[in-house]
Amino acid sequence: MDKKYNSCSYKARRAFLGGEYEVRLFEVDDAGIAAVVFQTAGEQGAPLKFSRVFSRPELQNAGIAKTLEGHVALVNSLELVEDAYFTGIDATNAGQNEMAAYQLSSTLPGMSFPPPIVSQQAAMAYFMRAPVGLSTWNSSRTPEEENLLADLVVKGLTELCRQKPPGLKAVAWLGNWLLDHNPTQPKVEE
């Protein structure tokens, strides 16, 4: 393990999602507490690592002080949560470990939920299943295949290839086509 992780304020072992992890807390001056979670026994490849900084206002809202009791309470509240837009299945489909779709979070009141994962794989996963239009969900609460964002963009790009406008006019043409064919706000002739 990297030596920079040796100077932690508190260290504990925890189980997350059936795996054994070591949690280390670092007091970050006036910024708050950084939590770094290391997998102690990896299945294959490099051990997993998750990190999160809990800001001073979050800690105050949750009643966590930089004391032994506060550190214990924070560690006990930690959990790994799957991202809302980039799932474990998406990670596996992108050739990553399923756990790449998980983030460190706290169950304490006053702690914010982690922001969405931002990566090319996450963007592509979202893009391939994002519905468009107002009534794009069928009775089983899954998006109708013909109303996915990816399909709309493919149709627009296909039309762009047929029209072949030169240079920057192609960008304007595609933008106008997408506006004209927006299922959420269809144009109404007056």
N, C-alpha and C. Protein backbone atom coordinates (compact mmCIF):
# COMPACT_ATOMS: atom_id res chain seq x y z
N MET A 1 0.85 -1.18 0.00
CA MET A 1 0.00 0.00 0.00
C MET A 1 0.90 1.24 0.00
N ASP A 2 0.49 2.26 -0.68
CA ASP A 2 1.23 3.51 -0.79
C ASP A 2 1.46 4.12 0.59
N LYS A 3 2.68 4.63 0.83
CA LYS A 3 3.03 5.20 2.14
C LYS A 3 2.20 6.42 2.50
N LYS A 4 1.66 7.11 1.51
CA LYS A 4 0.88 8.32 1.80
C LYS A 4 -0.38 8.00 2.61
N TYR A 5 -0.79 6.74 2.63
CA TYR A 5 -1.98 6.35 3.38
C TYR A 5 -1.67 5.95 4.82
N ASN A 6 -0.40 5.99 5.22
CA ASN A 6 -0.02 5.57 6.57
C ASN A 6 -0.36 6.59 7.64
N SER A 7 -0.51 7.84 7.29
CA SER A 7 -0.72 8.89 8.29
C SER A 7 -2.20 9.21 8.52
N CYS A 8 -3.01 8.19 8.56
CA CYS A 8 -4.45 8.42 8.73
C CYS A 8 -4.78 8.71 10.19
N SER A 9 -5.94 9.33 10.40
CA SER A 9 -6.41 9.66 11.75
C SER A 9 -7.11 8.48 12.41
N TYR A 10 -7.70 7.61 11.58
CA TYR A 10 -8.44 6.48 12.12
C TYR A 10 -8.45 5.37 11.08
N LYS A 11 -8.37 4.13 11.54
CA LYS A 11 -8.34 2.98 10.63
C LYS A 11 -9.25 1.89 11.20
N ALA A 12 -10.02 1.24 10.32
CA ALA A 12 -10.91 0.15 10.75
C ALA A 12 -11.13 -0.81 9.58
N ARG A 13 -11.61 -1.99 9.90
CA ARG A 13 -11.99 -2.97 8.87
C ARG A 13 -13.51 -3.03 8.80
N ARG A 14 -14.02 -3.14 7.57
CA ARG A 14 -15.47 -3.21 7.35
C ARG A 14 -15.76 -4.15 6.20
N ALA A 15 -16.93 -4.71 6.21
CA ALA A 15 -17.41 -5.51 5.08
C ALA A 15 -18.39 -4.65 4.28
N PHE A 16 -18.19 -4.63 2.97
CA PHE A 16 -19.10 -3.94 2.06
C PHE A 16 -19.47 -4.92 0.95
N LEU A 17 -20.74 -5.13 0.75
CA LEU A 17 -21.23 -5.97 -0.35
C LEU A 17 -20.52 -7.32 -0.41
N GLY A 18 -20.31 -7.91 0.74
CA GLY A 18 -19.71 -9.23 0.82
C GLY A 18 -18.20 -9.26 0.73
N GLY A 19 -17.55 -8.12 0.61
CA GLY A 19 -16.09 -8.08 0.53
C GLY A 19 -15.49 -7.44 1.77
N GLU A 20 -14.24 -7.78 2.04
CA GLU A 20 -13.53 -7.24 3.21
C GLU A 20 -12.72 -6.01 2.78
N TYR A 21 -12.89 -4.92 3.52
CA TYR A 21 -12.24 -3.66 3.19
C TYR A 21 -11.60 -3.03 4.42
N GLU A 22 -10.59 -2.22 4.18
CA GLU A 22 -9.98 -1.42 5.24
C GLU A 22 -10.36 0.03 4.99
N VAL A 23 -10.86 0.69 6.01
CA VAL A 23 -11.28 2.09 5.92
C VAL A 23 -10.25 2.94 6.64
N ARG A 24 -9.80 3.99 5.98
CA ARG A 24 -8.88 4.94 6.61
C ARG A 24 -9.48 6.34 6.49
N LEU A 25 -9.49 7.05 7.60
CA LEU A 25 -10.00 8.42 7.63
C LEU A 25 -8.83 9.38 7.79
N PHE A 26 -8.89 10.46 7.04
CA PHE A 26 -7.85 11.50 7.08
C PHE A 26 -8.52 12.83 7.36
N GLU A 27 -8.07 13.51 8.38
CA GLU A 27 -8.59 14.85 8.66
C GLU A 27 -7.91 15.82 7.71
N VAL A 28 -8.71 16.54 6.95
CA VAL A 28 -8.19 17.44 5.91
C VAL A 28 -8.36 18.87 6.39
N ASP A 29 -7.44 19.31 7.24
CA ASP A 29 -7.45 20.66 7.81
C ASP A 29 -8.88 21.12 8.10
N ASP A 30 -9.28 22.24 7.52
CA ASP A 30 -10.62 22.76 7.75
C ASP A 30 -11.64 22.25 6.73
N ALA A 31 -11.18 21.44 5.77
CA ALA A 31 -12.06 20.99 4.70
C ALA A 31 -13.03 19.90 5.15
N GLY A 32 -12.63 19.04 6.06
CA GLY A 32 -13.49 17.95 6.50
C GLY A 32 -12.70 16.69 6.73
N ILE A 33 -13.27 15.56 6.35
CA ILE A 33 -12.63 14.26 6.53
C ILE A 33 -12.68 13.51 5.20
N ALA A 34 -11.52 13.00 4.79
CA ALA A 34 -11.44 12.16 3.60
C ALA A 34 -11.48 10.71 4.04
N ALA A 35 -12.34 9.93 3.43
CA ALA A 35 -12.43 8.50 3.71
C ALA A 35 -11.90 7.76 2.49
N VAL A 36 -10.96 6.84 2.74
CA VAL A 36 -10.41 6.01 1.67
C VAL A 36 -10.64 4.56 2.09
N VAL A 37 -11.25 3.79 1.20
CA VAL A 37 -11.61 2.41 1.49
C VAL A 37 -10.85 1.51 0.51
N PHE A 38 -10.07 0.57 1.06
CA PHE A 38 -9.27 -0.36 0.26
C PHE A 38 -9.81 -1.77 0.41
N GLN A 39 -9.88 -2.48 -0.69
CA GLN A 39 -10.25 -3.89 -0.63
C GLN A 39 -9.04 -4.65 -0.09
N THR A 40 -9.25 -5.49 0.91
CA THR A 40 -8.12 -6.20 1.52
C THR A 40 -7.74 -7.46 0.77
N ALA A 41 -8.68 -8.10 0.10
CA ALA A 41 -8.38 -9.32 -0.67
C ALA A 41 -9.08 -9.22 -2.01
N GLY A 42 -8.31 -8.95 -3.06
CA GLY A 42 -8.90 -8.80 -4.39
C GLY A 42 -9.11 -10.13 -5.07
N GLU A 43 -10.20 -10.23 -5.83
CA GLU A 43 -10.49 -11.46 -6.57
C GLU A 43 -9.47 -11.62 -7.70
N GLN A 44 -9.33 -10.59 -8.48
CA GLN A 44 -8.37 -10.60 -9.58
C GLN A 44 -8.02 -9.16 -9.90
N GLY A 45 -6.82 -8.95 -10.37
CA GLY A 45 -6.38 -7.59 -10.68
C GLY A 45 -6.03 -6.81 -9.43
N ALA A 46 -5.91 -5.51 -9.60
CA ALA A 46 -5.54 -4.63 -8.49
C ALA A 46 -6.68 -4.54 -7.48
N PRO A 47 -6.36 -4.39 -6.19
CA PRO A 47 -7.42 -4.22 -5.19
C PRO A 47 -8.22 -2.95 -5.47
N LEU A 48 -9.49 -2.99 -5.16
CA LEU A 48 -10.37 -1.85 -5.39
C LEU A 48 -10.13 -0.78 -4.33
N LYS A 49 -10.33 0.48 -4.72
CA LYS A 49 -10.18 1.60 -3.80
C LYS A 49 -11.31 2.58 -4.07
N PHE A 50 -11.95 3.04 -3.02
CA PHE A 50 -13.01 4.04 -3.10
C PHE A 50 -12.63 5.19 -2.18
N SER A 51 -12.97 6.40 -2.57
CA SER A 51 -12.66 7.54 -1.70
C SER A 51 -13.77 8.58 -1.79
N ARG A 52 -13.83 9.37 -0.76
CA ARG A 52 -14.85 10.42 -0.69
C ARG A 52 -14.43 11.42 0.37
N VAL A 53 -14.61 12.70 0.09
CA VAL A 53 -14.36 13.74 1.09
C VAL A 53 -15.71 14.20 1.62
N PHE A 54 -15.85 14.14 2.93
CA PHE A 54 -17.05 14.65 3.59
C PHE A 54 -16.71 16.04 4.10
N SER A 55 -17.42 17.04 3.61
CA SER A 55 -17.11 18.43 3.92
C SER A 55 -17.42 18.76 5.38
N ARG A 56 -16.81 19.82 5.84
CA ARG A 56 -17.05 20.26 7.22
C ARG A 56 -18.53 20.54 7.47
N PRO A 57 -19.24 21.26 6.55
CA PRO A 57 -20.68 21.46 6.78
C PRO A 57 -21.47 20.15 6.84
N GLU A 58 -21.12 19.17 5.99
CA GLU A 58 -21.80 17.87 6.04
C GLU A 58 -21.59 17.20 7.39
N LEU A 59 -20.34 17.23 7.85
CA LEU A 59 -20.01 16.60 9.14
C LEU A 59 -20.76 17.28 10.28
N GLN A 60 -20.83 18.61 10.23
CA GLN A 60 -21.55 19.35 11.27
C GLN A 60 -23.04 19.01 11.24
N ASN A 61 -23.63 18.96 10.04
CA ASN A 61 -25.05 18.61 9.91
C ASN A 61 -25.35 17.20 10.43
N ALA A 62 -24.37 16.30 10.28
CA ALA A 62 -24.55 14.92 10.72
C ALA A 62 -24.15 14.73 12.18
N GLY A 63 -23.62 15.78 12.80
CA GLY A 63 -23.21 15.68 14.21
C GLY A 63 -21.92 14.91 14.40
N ILE A 64 -21.05 14.93 13.40
CA ILE A 64 -19.78 14.21 13.48
C ILE A 64 -18.66 15.18 13.82
N ALA A 65 -17.99 14.92 14.93
CA ALA A 65 -16.83 15.71 15.34
C ALA A 65 -15.57 14.92 15.00
N LYS A 66 -14.45 15.60 14.93
CA LYS A 66 -13.18 14.93 14.64
C LYS A 66 -12.62 14.33 15.93
N THR A 67 -13.36 13.37 16.46
CA THR A 67 -12.98 12.65 17.67
C THR A 67 -13.06 11.16 17.37
N LEU A 68 -12.60 10.34 18.29
CA LEU A 68 -12.68 8.90 18.10
C LEU A 68 -14.13 8.46 17.90
N GLU A 69 -15.04 9.00 18.71
CA GLU A 69 -16.45 8.65 18.58
C GLU A 69 -17.01 9.08 17.23
N GLY A 70 -16.61 10.27 16.77
CA GLY A 70 -17.05 10.75 15.47
C GLY A 70 -16.52 9.89 14.34
N HIS A 71 -15.25 9.50 14.43
CA HIS A 71 -14.67 8.64 13.40
C HIS A 71 -15.37 7.29 13.36
N VAL A 72 -15.64 6.71 14.53
CA VAL A 72 -16.33 5.42 14.58
C VAL A 72 -17.73 5.54 13.96
N ALA A 73 -18.44 6.60 14.31
CA ALA A 73 -19.79 6.80 13.77
C ALA A 73 -19.75 6.97 12.25
N LEU A 74 -18.77 7.72 11.75
CA LEU A 74 -18.66 7.92 10.31
C LEU A 74 -18.36 6.60 9.61
N VAL A 75 -17.40 5.85 10.11
CA VAL A 75 -17.05 4.56 9.49
C VAL A 75 -18.25 3.62 9.51
N ASN A 76 -18.98 3.58 10.62
CA ASN A 76 -20.15 2.70 10.71
C ASN A 76 -21.27 3.11 9.76
N SER A 77 -21.28 4.37 9.34
CA SER A 77 -22.33 4.85 8.43
C SER A 77 -21.98 4.67 6.96
N LEU A 78 -20.75 4.29 6.67
CA LEU A 78 -20.32 4.19 5.27
C LEU A 78 -20.96 3.00 4.57
N GLU A 79 -21.24 3.20 3.30
CA GLU A 79 -21.76 2.13 2.45
C GLU A 79 -21.32 2.38 1.03
N LEU A 80 -21.29 1.32 0.24
CA LEU A 80 -21.02 1.45 -1.19
C LEU A 80 -22.36 1.41 -1.90
N VAL A 81 -22.64 2.45 -2.69
CA VAL A 81 -23.91 2.55 -3.40
C VAL A 81 -23.66 2.54 -4.90
N GLU A 82 -24.55 1.86 -5.60
CA GLU A 82 -24.46 1.79 -7.06
C GLU A 82 -24.92 3.12 -7.64
N ASP A 83 -24.21 3.59 -8.65
CA ASP A 83 -24.56 4.84 -9.31
C ASP A 83 -25.93 4.71 -9.96
N ALA A 84 -26.68 5.79 -9.97
CA ALA A 84 -28.03 5.77 -10.53
C ALA A 84 -28.03 5.60 -12.05
N TYR A 85 -27.00 6.08 -12.73
CA TYR A 85 -26.98 6.06 -14.19
C TYR A 85 -26.01 5.04 -14.77
N PHE A 86 -24.98 4.68 -14.01
CA PHE A 86 -23.95 3.75 -14.48
C PHE A 86 -23.97 2.55 -13.54
N THR A 87 -24.59 1.46 -13.97
CA THR A 87 -24.81 0.31 -13.10
C THR A 87 -23.66 -0.69 -13.19
N GLY A 88 -23.71 -1.67 -12.31
CA GLY A 88 -22.71 -2.74 -12.34
C GLY A 88 -22.73 -3.49 -13.67
N ILE A 89 -23.92 -3.66 -14.23
CA ILE A 89 -24.04 -4.32 -15.54
C ILE A 89 -23.37 -3.46 -16.61
N ASP A 90 -23.55 -2.14 -16.53
CA ASP A 90 -22.90 -1.23 -17.49
C ASP A 90 -21.38 -1.35 -17.38
N ALA A 91 -20.88 -1.41 -16.15
CA ALA A 91 -19.43 -1.52 -15.94
C ALA A 91 -18.91 -2.82 -16.54
N THR A 92 -19.61 -3.91 -16.29
CA THR A 92 -19.21 -5.21 -16.83
C THR A 92 -19.23 -5.18 -18.35
N ASN A 93 -20.28 -4.60 -18.93
CA ASN A 93 -20.38 -4.49 -20.40
C ASN A 93 -19.26 -3.64 -20.98
N ALA A 94 -18.73 -2.70 -20.19
CA ALA A 94 -17.64 -1.84 -20.64
C ALA A 94 -16.27 -2.47 -20.37
N GLY A 95 -16.27 -3.72 -19.88
CA GLY A 95 -15.01 -4.41 -19.62
C GLY A 95 -14.36 -4.03 -18.30
N GLN A 96 -15.14 -3.44 -17.40
CA GLN A 96 -14.62 -3.04 -16.10
C GLN A 96 -15.15 -3.98 -15.02
N ASN A 97 -14.55 -3.88 -13.84
CA ASN A 97 -15.06 -4.60 -12.69
C ASN A 97 -16.44 -4.04 -12.35
N GLU A 98 -17.36 -4.90 -11.97
CA GLU A 98 -18.71 -4.48 -11.61
C GLU A 98 -18.70 -3.38 -10.55
N MET A 99 -17.71 -3.43 -9.65
CA MET A 99 -17.63 -2.47 -8.55
C MET A 99 -17.25 -1.07 -9.02
N ALA A 100 -16.86 -0.91 -10.29
CA ALA A 100 -16.55 0.42 -10.82
C ALA A 100 -17.78 1.31 -10.84
N ALA A 101 -18.96 0.71 -10.70
CA ALA A 101 -20.21 1.47 -10.70
C ALA A 101 -20.64 1.87 -9.30
N TYR A 102 -19.82 1.60 -8.30
CA TYR A 102 -20.18 1.90 -6.92
C TYR A 102 -19.36 3.06 -6.39
N GLN A 103 -19.97 3.80 -5.47
CA GLN A 103 -19.32 4.95 -4.84
C GLN A 103 -19.52 4.88 -3.34
N LEU A 104 -18.62 5.56 -2.64
CA LEU A 104 -18.69 5.61 -1.19
C LEU A 104 -19.72 6.65 -0.76
N SER A 105 -20.58 6.28 0.16
CA SER A 105 -21.62 7.16 0.65
C SER A 105 -21.77 6.98 2.16
N SER A 106 -22.55 7.85 2.77
CA SER A 106 -22.82 7.75 4.20
C SER A 106 -24.33 7.77 4.42
N THR A 107 -24.78 6.99 5.40
CA THR A 107 -26.20 6.93 5.71
C THR A 107 -26.60 7.98 6.74
N LEU A 108 -25.65 8.77 7.22
CA LEU A 108 -25.96 9.78 8.23
C LEU A 108 -26.81 10.90 7.65
N PRO A 109 -27.79 11.39 8.40
CA PRO A 109 -28.57 12.54 7.92
C PRO A 109 -27.66 13.75 7.81
N GLY A 110 -27.86 14.53 6.77
CA GLY A 110 -27.03 15.71 6.55
C GLY A 110 -25.90 15.48 5.57
N MET A 111 -25.64 14.23 5.22
CA MET A 111 -24.59 13.92 4.25
C MET A 111 -25.20 13.89 2.85
N SER A 112 -24.53 14.51 1.90
CA SER A 112 -25.05 14.52 0.53
C SER A 112 -24.78 13.18 -0.14
N PHE A 113 -25.61 12.87 -1.12
CA PHE A 113 -25.44 11.65 -1.90
C PHE A 113 -24.30 11.89 -2.88
N PRO A 114 -23.49 10.89 -3.20
CA PRO A 114 -22.38 11.12 -4.14
C PRO A 114 -22.88 11.55 -5.52
N PRO A 115 -22.14 12.42 -6.19
CA PRO A 115 -22.55 12.84 -7.54
C PRO A 115 -22.45 11.67 -8.52
N PRO A 116 -23.14 11.75 -9.66
CA PRO A 116 -23.06 10.67 -10.65
C PRO A 116 -21.63 10.45 -11.13
N ILE A 117 -21.35 9.23 -11.51
CA ILE A 117 -20.03 8.90 -12.06
C ILE A 117 -19.92 9.54 -13.43
N VAL A 118 -18.83 10.23 -13.67
CA VAL A 118 -18.60 10.89 -14.94
C VAL A 118 -17.46 10.17 -15.66
N SER A 119 -17.80 9.48 -16.73
CA SER A 119 -16.81 8.78 -17.53
C SER A 119 -17.41 8.54 -18.91
N GLN A 120 -16.56 8.18 -19.84
CA GLN A 120 -17.05 7.87 -21.18
C GLN A 120 -18.01 6.68 -21.13
N GLN A 121 -17.65 5.66 -20.33
CA GLN A 121 -18.48 4.48 -20.24
C GLN A 121 -19.85 4.81 -19.63
N ALA A 122 -19.86 5.67 -18.62
CA ALA A 122 -21.13 6.06 -17.99
C ALA A 122 -21.99 6.85 -18.97
N ALA A 123 -21.37 7.75 -19.73
CA ALA A 123 -22.12 8.54 -20.71
C ALA A 123 -22.72 7.64 -21.79
N MET A 124 -21.94 6.69 -22.27
CA MET A 124 -22.44 5.78 -23.30
C MET A 124 -23.57 4.90 -22.77
N ALA A 125 -23.44 4.43 -21.54
CA ALA A 125 -24.49 3.59 -20.96
C ALA A 125 -25.78 4.38 -20.84
N TYR A 126 -25.69 5.61 -20.38
CA TYR A 126 -26.88 6.46 -20.26
C TYR A 126 -27.48 6.75 -21.64
N PHE A 127 -26.62 7.11 -22.57
CA PHE A 127 -27.04 7.47 -23.92
C PHE A 127 -27.80 6.32 -24.59
N MET A 128 -27.37 5.09 -24.34
CA MET A 128 -27.97 3.94 -25.00
C MET A 128 -29.32 3.52 -24.41
N ARG A 129 -29.70 4.09 -23.27
CA ARG A 129 -31.00 3.71 -22.70
C ARG A 129 -31.87 4.90 -22.32
N ALA A 130 -31.42 6.12 -22.63
CA ALA A 130 -32.19 7.31 -22.27
C ALA A 130 -33.42 7.42 -23.17
N PRO A 131 -34.60 7.47 -22.58
CA PRO A 131 -35.81 7.62 -23.39
C PRO A 131 -36.01 9.06 -23.82
N VAL A 132 -36.71 9.25 -24.92
CA VAL A 132 -37.09 10.59 -25.36
C VAL A 132 -38.59 10.61 -25.54
N GLY A 133 -39.17 11.76 -25.39
CA GLY A 133 -40.61 11.89 -25.54
C GLY A 133 -41.32 11.81 -24.22
N LEU A 134 -42.60 12.16 -24.24
CA LEU A 134 -43.38 12.21 -23.01
C LEU A 134 -43.98 10.86 -22.63
N SER A 135 -44.24 10.00 -23.59
CA SER A 135 -44.87 8.72 -23.28
C SER A 135 -44.03 7.58 -23.82
N THR A 136 -42.76 7.56 -23.46
CA THR A 136 -41.86 6.56 -24.03
C THR A 136 -41.74 5.31 -23.18
N TRP A 137 -42.42 5.26 -22.03
CA TRP A 137 -42.31 4.08 -21.17
C TRP A 137 -43.51 3.17 -21.42
N ASN A 138 -43.25 1.88 -21.60
CA ASN A 138 -44.36 0.95 -21.79
C ASN A 138 -44.87 0.49 -20.43
N SER A 139 -45.82 -0.43 -20.42
CA SER A 139 -46.46 -0.85 -19.17
C SER A 139 -45.50 -1.55 -18.21
N SER A 140 -44.40 -2.10 -18.70
CA SER A 140 -43.45 -2.77 -17.81
C SER A 140 -42.37 -1.81 -17.31
N ARG A 141 -42.55 -0.52 -17.51
CA ARG A 141 -41.64 0.54 -17.04
C ARG A 141 -40.24 0.43 -17.66
N THR A 142 -40.18 -0.05 -18.89
CA THR A 142 -38.92 -0.04 -19.63
C THR A 142 -39.11 0.84 -20.84
N PRO A 143 -38.05 1.51 -21.30
CA PRO A 143 -38.23 2.41 -22.44
C PRO A 143 -38.56 1.64 -23.72
N GLU A 144 -39.44 2.21 -24.50
CA GLU A 144 -39.76 1.63 -25.80
C GLU A 144 -38.52 1.77 -26.68
N GLU A 145 -38.15 0.71 -27.36
CA GLU A 145 -36.90 0.71 -28.12
C GLU A 145 -36.84 1.80 -29.17
N GLU A 146 -37.95 2.06 -29.85
CA GLU A 146 -37.90 3.05 -30.93
C GLU A 146 -37.86 4.48 -30.42
N ASN A 147 -37.97 4.68 -29.13
CA ASN A 147 -37.96 6.03 -28.58
C ASN A 147 -36.74 6.30 -27.70
N LEU A 148 -35.63 5.68 -28.00
CA LEU A 148 -34.41 5.93 -27.25
C LEU A 148 -33.64 7.08 -27.88
N LEU A 149 -32.92 7.80 -27.05
CA LEU A 149 -32.12 8.93 -27.50
C LEU A 149 -31.13 8.50 -28.58
N ALA A 150 -30.50 7.36 -28.38
CA ALA A 150 -29.52 6.88 -29.37
C ALA A 150 -30.17 6.70 -30.73
N ASP A 151 -31.39 6.17 -30.76
CA ASP A 151 -32.09 5.97 -32.04
C ASP A 151 -32.41 7.30 -32.71
N LEU A 152 -32.82 8.28 -31.93
CA LEU A 152 -33.14 9.60 -32.47
C LEU A 152 -31.89 10.23 -33.09
N VAL A 153 -30.76 10.13 -32.39
CA VAL A 153 -29.52 10.71 -32.91
C VAL A 153 -29.06 9.97 -34.15
N VAL A 154 -29.20 8.65 -34.17
CA VAL A 154 -28.82 7.87 -35.36
C VAL A 154 -29.66 8.29 -36.56
N LYS A 155 -30.96 8.48 -36.35
CA LYS A 155 -31.82 8.95 -37.46
C LYS A 155 -31.36 10.31 -37.96
N GLY A 156 -31.03 11.20 -37.03
CA GLY A 156 -30.56 12.53 -37.41
C GLY A 156 -29.25 12.46 -38.18
N LEU A 157 -28.33 11.63 -37.73
CA LEU A 157 -27.05 11.49 -38.43
C LEU A 157 -27.23 10.85 -39.80
N THR A 158 -28.17 9.92 -39.91
CA THR A 158 -28.46 9.30 -41.21
C THR A 158 -28.98 10.34 -42.19
N GLU A 159 -29.90 11.17 -41.73
CA GLU A 159 -30.42 12.25 -42.59
C GLU A 159 -29.33 13.25 -42.94
N LEU A 160 -28.45 13.52 -41.99
CA LEU A 160 -27.33 14.44 -42.25
C LEU A 160 -26.45 13.89 -43.37
N CYS A 161 -26.19 12.58 -43.34
CA CYS A 161 -25.38 11.96 -44.40
C CYS A 161 -26.07 12.05 -45.75
N ARG A 162 -27.38 11.97 -45.76
CA ARG A 162 -28.12 12.08 -47.02
C ARG A 162 -28.07 13.51 -47.57
N GLN A 163 -28.18 14.50 -46.68
CA GLN A 163 -28.21 15.90 -47.10
C GLN A 163 -26.83 16.43 -47.47
N LYS A 164 -25.80 16.02 -46.74
CA LYS A 164 -24.41 16.40 -46.98
C LYS A 164 -24.17 17.92 -47.02
N PRO A 165 -24.63 18.67 -46.02
CA PRO A 165 -24.31 20.10 -46.00
C PRO A 165 -22.81 20.30 -45.74
N PRO A 166 -22.20 21.34 -46.32
CA PRO A 166 -20.75 21.53 -46.18
C PRO A 166 -20.37 22.18 -44.84
N GLY A 167 -19.19 21.80 -44.33
CA GLY A 167 -18.57 22.46 -43.17
C GLY A 167 -19.46 22.60 -41.96
N LEU A 168 -19.44 23.82 -41.40
CA LEU A 168 -20.21 24.10 -40.18
C LEU A 168 -21.72 24.11 -40.42
N LYS A 169 -22.12 24.20 -41.67
CA LYS A 169 -23.55 24.13 -41.96
C LYS A 169 -24.12 22.77 -41.56
N ALA A 170 -23.25 21.76 -41.53
CA ALA A 170 -23.69 20.42 -41.11
C ALA A 170 -24.13 20.42 -39.65
N VAL A 171 -23.40 21.15 -38.82
CA VAL A 171 -23.75 21.22 -37.39
C VAL A 171 -25.09 21.93 -37.23
N ALA A 172 -25.26 23.05 -37.92
CA ALA A 172 -26.52 23.79 -37.84
C ALA A 172 -27.67 22.95 -38.38
N TRP A 173 -27.43 22.24 -39.50
CA TRP A 173 -28.47 21.41 -40.07
C TRP A 173 -28.92 20.33 -39.08
N LEU A 174 -27.94 19.65 -38.45
CA LEU A 174 -28.27 18.59 -37.49
C LEU A 174 -29.01 19.16 -36.28
N GLY A 175 -28.57 20.30 -35.79
CA GLY A 175 -29.26 20.94 -34.66
C GLY A 175 -30.70 21.25 -35.00
N ASN A 176 -30.93 21.82 -36.18
CA ASN A 176 -32.30 22.13 -36.61
C ASN A 176 -33.13 20.86 -36.80
N TRP A 177 -32.51 19.81 -37.35
CA TRP A 177 -33.23 18.55 -37.54
C TRP A 177 -33.66 17.99 -36.19
N LEU A 178 -32.76 18.01 -35.21
CA LEU A 178 -33.10 17.48 -33.88
C LEU A 178 -34.21 18.31 -33.23
N LEU A 179 -34.19 19.62 -33.43
CA LEU A 179 -35.27 20.46 -32.90
C LEU A 179 -36.60 20.15 -33.58
N ASP A 180 -36.55 19.97 -34.89
CA ASP A 180 -37.77 19.67 -35.65
C ASP A 180 -38.35 18.30 -35.31
N HIS A 181 -37.51 17.37 -34.90
CA HIS A 181 -37.95 16.00 -34.64
C HIS A 181 -37.89 15.64 -33.15
N ASN A 182 -37.96 16.64 -32.30
CA ASN A 182 -37.92 16.43 -30.85
C ASN A 182 -39.26 15.87 -30.39
N PRO A 183 -39.31 14.61 -29.93
CA PRO A 183 -40.60 14.03 -29.53
C PRO A 183 -41.14 14.62 -28.23
N THR A 184 -40.31 15.27 -27.46
CA THR A 184 -40.78 15.87 -26.21
C THR A 184 -41.55 17.15 -26.48
N GLN A 185 -41.11 17.91 -27.47
CA GLN A 185 -41.77 19.17 -27.81
C GLN A 185 -41.97 19.24 -29.32
N PRO A 186 -42.93 18.49 -29.82
CA PRO A 186 -43.15 18.52 -31.27
C PRO A 186 -43.62 19.90 -31.72
N LYS A 187 -43.20 20.27 -32.93
CA LYS A 187 -43.61 21.56 -33.48
C LYS A 187 -45.06 21.47 -33.93
N VAL A 188 -45.79 22.51 -33.65
CA VAL A 188 -47.19 22.58 -34.03
C VAL A 188 -47.34 23.70 -35.05
N GLU A 189 -47.90 23.36 -36.19
CA GLU A 189 -48.12 24.36 -37.23
C GLU A 189 -49.27 25.27 -36.82
N GLU A 190 -49.10 26.58 -37.02
CA GLU A 190 -50.15 27.54 -36.65
C GLU A 190 -51.03 27.85 -37.83
